[in-house]
Every structure is written in structure tokens, then in C-alpha cells.
């Protein structure tokens, strides 16, 4: 699996998780369980929250 595919799968998973449990710290812990660095986890969080806001505003 290519790295961009892996990132996409991870972000989709985290987005689904965040929509059912909108707690930023839990999202961070879930991202860290995937074995990513702190900076990558924070990047995932920002991306997921932005996507969730777009979904909720529709």
C-alpha cells in the first residue's frame, strides 16, 4: 500500500471515530495507537476536525 493510500485510510478511520466521539484528546490517542509521530498525529487531528466541520455544516 502506498503511503498516500495508508494516510487516506487512517484519516477516514479517524474521521468516523471523531464523528462518534468528538473528543480531541481521544482522537489524538487513537492516532498515536497507529504508530505515528506526535507531529503526524497533530496533523491528522487538524485534518479530521476540518473535515468533520465541513460534514456537519452541510
PDB file of N, CA and C in Angstrom:
ATOM      1  N   UNK A   1       0.851  -1.181   0.000  1.00  0.00           N
ATOM      2  CA  UNK A   1       0.000   0.000   0.000  1.00  0.00           C
ATOM      3  C   UNK A   1       0.892   1.236   0.000  1.00  0.00           C
ATOM      4  N   UNK A   2       0.571   2.169  -0.847  1.00  0.00           N
ATOM      5  CA  UNK A   2       1.351   3.403  -0.927  1.00  0.00           C
ATOM      6  C   UNK A   2       1.096   4.259   0.318  1.00  0.00           C
ATOM      7  N   UNK A   3       2.032   5.147   0.601  1.00  0.00           N
ATOM      8  CA  UNK A   3       1.919   5.965   1.807  1.00  0.00           C
ATOM      9  C   UNK A   3       0.701   6.892   1.758  1.00  0.00           C
ATOM     10  N   UNK A   4       0.355   7.401   0.569  1.00  0.00           N
ATOM     11  CA  UNK A   4      -0.815   8.269   0.488  1.00  0.00           C
ATOM     12  C   UNK A   4      -2.106   7.477   0.674  1.00  0.00           C
ATOM     13  N   UNK A   5      -2.123   6.219   0.254  1.00  0.00           N
ATOM     14  CA  UNK A   5      -3.288   5.360   0.494  1.00  0.00           C
ATOM     15  C   UNK A   5      -3.429   5.061   1.984  1.00  0.00           C
ATOM     16  N   UNK A   6      -2.297   4.790   2.607  1.00  0.00           N
ATOM     17  CA  UNK A   6      -2.301   4.499   4.043  1.00  0.00           C
ATOM     18  C   UNK A   6      -2.808   5.716   4.819  1.00  0.00           C
ATOM     19  N   UNK A   7      -2.340   6.907   4.442  1.00  0.00           N
ATOM     20  CA  UNK A   7      -2.775   8.140   5.099  1.00  0.00           C
ATOM     21  C   UNK A   7      -4.273   8.351   4.905  1.00  0.00           C
ATOM     22  N   UNK A   8      -4.757   8.104   3.716  1.00  0.00           N
ATOM     23  CA  UNK A   8      -6.170   8.268   3.415  1.00  0.00           C
ATOM     24  C   UNK A   8      -7.027   7.315   4.258  1.00  0.00           C
ATOM     25  N   UNK A   9      -6.598   6.065   4.355  1.00  0.00           N
ATOM     26  CA  UNK A   9      -7.331   5.089   5.170  1.00  0.00           C
ATOM     27  C   UNK A   9      -7.336   5.506   6.642  1.00  0.00           C
ATOM     28  N   UNK A  10      -6.193   5.952   7.113  1.00  0.00           N
ATOM     29  CA  UNK A  10      -6.104   6.381   8.505  1.00  0.00           C
ATOM     30  C   UNK A  10      -7.012   7.578   8.773  1.00  0.00           C
ATOM     31  N   UNK A  11      -7.002   8.549   7.862  1.00  0.00           N
ATOM     32  CA  UNK A  11      -7.836   9.733   8.048  1.00  0.00           C
ATOM     33  C   UNK A  11      -9.317   9.380   8.001  1.00  0.00           C
ATOM     34  N   UNK A  12      -9.710   8.502   7.108  1.00  0.00           N
ATOM     35  CA  UNK A  12     -11.113   8.081   7.053  1.00  0.00           C
ATOM     36  C   UNK A  12     -11.530   7.388   8.343  1.00  0.00           C
ATOM     37  N   UNK A  13     -10.667   6.522   8.847  1.00  0.00           N
ATOM     38  CA  UNK A  13     -10.947   5.842  10.110  1.00  0.00           C
ATOM     39  C   UNK A  13     -11.082   6.846  11.252  1.00  0.00           C
ATOM     40  N   UNK A  14     -10.136   7.776  11.325  1.00  0.00           N
ATOM     41  CA  UNK A  14     -10.168   8.768  12.396  1.00  0.00           C
ATOM     42  C   UNK A  14     -11.375   9.688  12.275  1.00  0.00           C
ATOM     43  N   UNK A  15     -11.778  10.009  11.058  1.00  0.00           N
ATOM     44  CA  UNK A  15     -12.953  10.846  10.861  1.00  0.00           C
ATOM     45  C   UNK A  15     -14.199  10.140  11.379  1.00  0.00           C
ATOM     46  N   UNK A  16     -14.367   8.880  11.045  1.00  0.00           N
ATOM     47  CA  UNK A  16     -15.510   8.112  11.550  1.00  0.00           C
ATOM     48  C   UNK A  16     -15.485   8.054  13.068  1.00  0.00           C
ATOM     49  N   UNK A  17     -14.306   7.835  13.624  1.00  0.00           N
ATOM     50  CA  UNK A  17     -14.166   7.782  15.083  1.00  0.00           C
ATOM     51  C   UNK A  17     -14.539   9.124  15.705  1.00  0.00           C
ATOM     52  N   UNK A  18     -14.053  10.215  15.133  1.00  0.00           N
ATOM     53  CA  UNK A  18     -14.297  11.548  15.682  1.00  0.00           C
ATOM     54  C   UNK A  18     -15.771  11.932  15.593  1.00  0.00           C
ATOM     55  N   UNK A  19     -16.446  11.517  14.543  1.00  0.00           N
ATOM     56  CA  UNK A  19     -17.863  11.847  14.399  1.00  0.00           C
ATOM     57  C   UNK A  19     -18.711  11.142  15.451  1.00  0.00           C
ATOM     58  N   UNK A  20     -18.258  10.000  15.954  1.00  0.00           N
ATOM     59  CA  UNK A  20     -18.987   9.300  17.011  1.00  0.00           C
ATOM     60  C   UNK A  20     -18.497   9.681  18.402  1.00  0.00           C
ATOM     61  N   UNK A  21     -17.275  10.193  18.491  1.00  0.00           N
ATOM     62  CA  UNK A  21     -16.687  10.566  19.779  1.00  0.00           C
ATOM     63  C   UNK A  21     -15.870  11.842  19.583  1.00  0.00           C
ATOM     64  N   UNK A  22     -16.529  13.007  19.596  1.00  0.00           N
ATOM     65  CA  UNK A  22     -15.835  14.258  19.264  1.00  0.00           C
ATOM     66  C   UNK A  22     -14.973  14.831  20.388  1.00  0.00           C
ATOM     67  N   UNK A  23     -14.044  14.038  20.860  1.00  0.00           N
ATOM     68  CA  UNK A  23     -13.109  14.498  21.884  1.00  0.00           C
ATOM     69  C   UNK A  23     -11.715  14.496  21.269  1.00  0.00           C
ATOM     70  N   UNK A  24     -11.104  15.666  21.252  1.00  0.00           N
ATOM     71  CA  UNK A  24      -9.822  15.821  20.566  1.00  0.00           C
ATOM     72  C   UNK A  24      -8.722  14.951  21.179  1.00  0.00           C
ATOM     73  N   UNK A  25      -8.708  14.837  22.499  1.00  0.00           N
ATOM     74  CA  UNK A  25      -7.662  14.045  23.138  1.00  0.00           C
ATOM     75  C   UNK A  25      -7.807  12.562  22.794  1.00  0.00           C
ATOM     76  N   UNK A  26      -9.043  12.061  22.770  1.00  0.00           N
ATOM     77  CA  UNK A  26      -9.262  10.660  22.386  1.00  0.00           C
ATOM     78  C   UNK A  26      -8.831  10.424  20.947  1.00  0.00           C
ATOM     79  N   UNK A  27      -9.086  11.402  20.097  1.00  0.00           N
ATOM     80  CA  UNK A  27      -8.669  11.305  18.705  1.00  0.00           C
ATOM     81  C   UNK A  27      -7.142  11.242  18.609  1.00  0.00           C
ATOM     82  N   UNK A  28      -6.474  12.060  19.410  1.00  0.00           N
ATOM     83  CA  UNK A  28      -5.007  12.060  19.449  1.00  0.00           C
ATOM     84  C   UNK A  28      -4.486  10.689  19.891  1.00  0.00           C
ATOM     85  N   UNK A  29      -5.072  10.140  20.938  1.00  0.00           N
ATOM     86  CA  UNK A  29      -4.635   8.823  21.413  1.00  0.00           C
ATOM     87  C   UNK A  29      -4.850   7.756  20.353  1.00  0.00           C
ATOM     88  N   UNK A  30      -5.965   7.827  19.655  1.00  0.00           N
ATOM     89  CA  UNK A  30      -6.259   6.854  18.599  1.00  0.00           C
ATOM     90  C   UNK A  30      -5.231   6.969  17.469  1.00  0.00           C
ATOM     91  N   UNK A  31      -4.875   8.201  17.128  1.00  0.00           N
ATOM     92  CA  UNK A  31      -3.865   8.406  16.089  1.00  0.00           C
ATOM     93  C   UNK A  31      -2.503   7.868  16.542  1.00  0.00           C
ATOM     94  N   UNK A  32      -2.151   8.106  17.788  1.00  0.00           N
ATOM     95  CA  UNK A  32      -0.870   7.621  18.308  1.00  0.00           C
ATOM     96  C   UNK A  32      -0.828   6.095  18.331  1.00  0.00           C
ATOM     97  N   UNK A  33      -1.970   5.447  18.530  1.00  0.00           N
ATOM     98  CA  UNK A  33      -2.013   3.982  18.517  1.00  0.00           C
ATOM     99  C   UNK A  33      -1.681   3.426  17.138  1.00  0.00           C
ATOM    100  N   UNK A  34      -1.801   4.265  16.120  1.00  0.00           N
ATOM    101  CA  UNK A  34      -1.463   3.837  14.758  1.00  0.00           C
ATOM    102  C   UNK A  34       0.043   3.826  14.538  1.00  0.00           C
ATOM    103  N   UNK A  35       0.801   4.322  15.514  1.00  0.00           N
ATOM    104  CA  UNK A  35       2.250   4.289  15.423  1.00  0.00           C
ATOM    105  C   UNK A  35       2.859   5.472  14.695  1.00  0.00           C
ATOM    106  N   UNK A  36       2.160   6.598  14.693  1.00  0.00           N
ATOM    107  CA  UNK A  36       2.691   7.787  14.017  1.00  0.00           C
ATOM    108  C   UNK A  36       3.371   8.706  15.033  1.00  0.00           C
ATOM    109  N   UNK A  37       4.142   9.649  14.534  1.00  0.00           N
ATOM    110  CA  UNK A  37       4.822  10.602  15.409  1.00  0.00           C
ATOM    111  C   UNK A  37       3.820  11.611  15.958  1.00  0.00           C
ATOM    112  N   UNK A  38       4.252  12.382  16.945  1.00  0.00           N
ATOM    113  CA  UNK A  38       3.392  13.411  17.530  1.00  0.00           C
ATOM    114  C   UNK A  38       2.951  14.430  16.489  1.00  0.00           C
ATOM    115  N   UNK A  39       3.885  14.861  15.664  1.00  0.00           N
ATOM    116  CA  UNK A  39       3.547  15.886  14.671  1.00  0.00           C
ATOM    117  C   UNK A  39       2.572  15.342  13.628  1.00  0.00           C
ATOM    118  N   UNK A  40       2.728  14.089  13.244  1.00  0.00           N
ATOM    119  CA  UNK A  40       1.793  13.484  12.294  1.00  0.00           C
ATOM    120  C   UNK A  40       0.422  13.324  12.933  1.00  0.00           C
ATOM    121  N   UNK A  41       0.381  12.917  14.185  1.00  0.00           N
ATOM    122  CA  UNK A  41      -0.897  12.780  14.893  1.00  0.00           C
ATOM    123  C   UNK A  41      -1.611  14.129  14.966  1.00  0.00           C
ATOM    124  N   UNK A  42      -0.881  15.184  15.255  1.00  0.00           N
ATOM    125  CA  UNK A  42      -1.484  16.521  15.321  1.00  0.00           C
ATOM    126  C   UNK A  42      -1.979  16.967  13.948  1.00  0.00           C
ATOM    127  N   UNK A  43      -1.235  16.626  12.905  1.00  0.00           N
ATOM    128  CA  UNK A  43      -1.666  16.932  11.538  1.00  0.00           C
ATOM    129  C   UNK A  43      -2.955  16.178  11.213  1.00  0.00           C
ATOM    130  N   UNK A  44      -3.024  14.915  11.575  1.00  0.00           N
ATOM    131  CA  UNK A  44      -4.236  14.124  11.367  1.00  0.00           C
ATOM    132  C   UNK A  44      -5.415  14.762  12.090  1.00  0.00           C
ATOM    133  N   UNK A  45      -5.194  15.199  13.330  1.00  0.00           N
ATOM    134  CA  UNK A  45      -6.264  15.808  14.116  1.00  0.00           C
ATOM    135  C   UNK A  45      -6.801  17.053  13.420  1.00  0.00           C
ATOM    136  N   UNK A  46      -5.907  17.924  12.989  1.00  0.00           N
ATOM    137  CA  UNK A  46      -6.342  19.144  12.291  1.00  0.00           C
ATOM    138  C   UNK A  46      -7.154  18.801  11.051  1.00  0.00           C
ATOM    139  N   UNK A  47      -6.659  17.857  10.273  1.00  0.00           N
ATOM    140  CA  UNK A  47      -7.338  17.469   9.041  1.00  0.00           C
ATOM    141  C   UNK A  47      -8.711  16.877   9.332  1.00  0.00           C
ATOM    142  N   UNK A  48      -8.788  16.008  10.320  1.00  0.00           N
ATOM    143  CA  UNK A  48     -10.053  15.358  10.662  1.00  0.00           C
ATOM    144  C   UNK A  48     -11.065  16.366  11.183  1.00  0.00           C
ATOM    145  N   UNK A  49     -10.644  17.285  12.019  1.00  0.00           N
ATOM    146  CA  UNK A  49     -11.572  18.273  12.571  1.00  0.00           C
ATOM    147  C   UNK A  49     -12.110  19.176  11.466  1.00  0.00           C
ATOM    148  N   UNK A  50     -11.264  19.566  10.542  1.00  0.00           N
ATOM    149  CA  UNK A  50     -11.716  20.394   9.416  1.00  0.00           C
ATOM    150  C   UNK A  50     -12.738  19.625   8.582  1.00  0.00           C
ATOM    151  N   UNK A  51     -12.450  18.358   8.297  1.00  0.00           N
ATOM    152  CA  UNK A  51     -13.383  17.539   7.520  1.00  0.00           C
ATOM    153  C   UNK A  51     -14.703  17.368   8.267  1.00  0.00           C
ATOM    154  N   UNK A  52     -14.654  17.144   9.560  1.00  0.00           N
ATOM    155  CA  UNK A  52     -15.864  16.964  10.355  1.00  0.00           C
ATOM    156  C   UNK A  52     -16.709  18.239  10.355  1.00  0.00           C
ATOM    157  N   UNK A  53     -16.064  19.391  10.436  1.00  0.00           N
ATOM    158  CA  UNK A  53     -16.796  20.654  10.392  1.00  0.00           C
ATOM    159  C   UNK A  53     -17.476  20.847   9.052  1.00  0.00           C
ATOM    160  N   UNK A  54     -16.822  20.437   7.978  1.00  0.00           N
ATOM    161  CA  UNK A  54     -17.437  20.532   6.650  1.00  0.00           C
ATOM    162  C   UNK A  54     -18.655  19.634   6.551  1.00  0.00           C
ATOM    163  N   UNK A  55     -18.536  18.431   7.098  1.00  0.00           N
ATOM    164  CA  UNK A  55     -19.648  17.481   7.056  1.00  0.00           C
ATOM    165  C   UNK A  55     -20.826  18.003   7.871  1.00  0.00           C
ATOM    166  N   UNK A  56     -20.556  18.516   9.064  1.00  0.00           N
ATOM    167  CA  UNK A  56     -21.623  18.986   9.948  1.00  0.00           C
ATOM    168  C   UNK A  56     -22.288  20.263   9.456  1.00  0.00           C
ATOM    169  N   UNK A  57     -21.592  21.037   8.641  1.00  0.00           N
ATOM    170  CA  UNK A  57     -22.159  22.301   8.170  1.00  0.00           C
ATOM    171  C   UNK A  57     -23.070  22.100   6.957  1.00  0.00           C
ATOM    172  N   UNK A  58     -23.081  20.908   6.395  1.00  0.00           N
ATOM    173  CA  UNK A  58     -23.921  20.640   5.218  1.00  0.00           C
ATOM    174  C   UNK A  58     -25.362  20.427   5.604  1.00  0.00           C
TER     175      UNK A  58
END
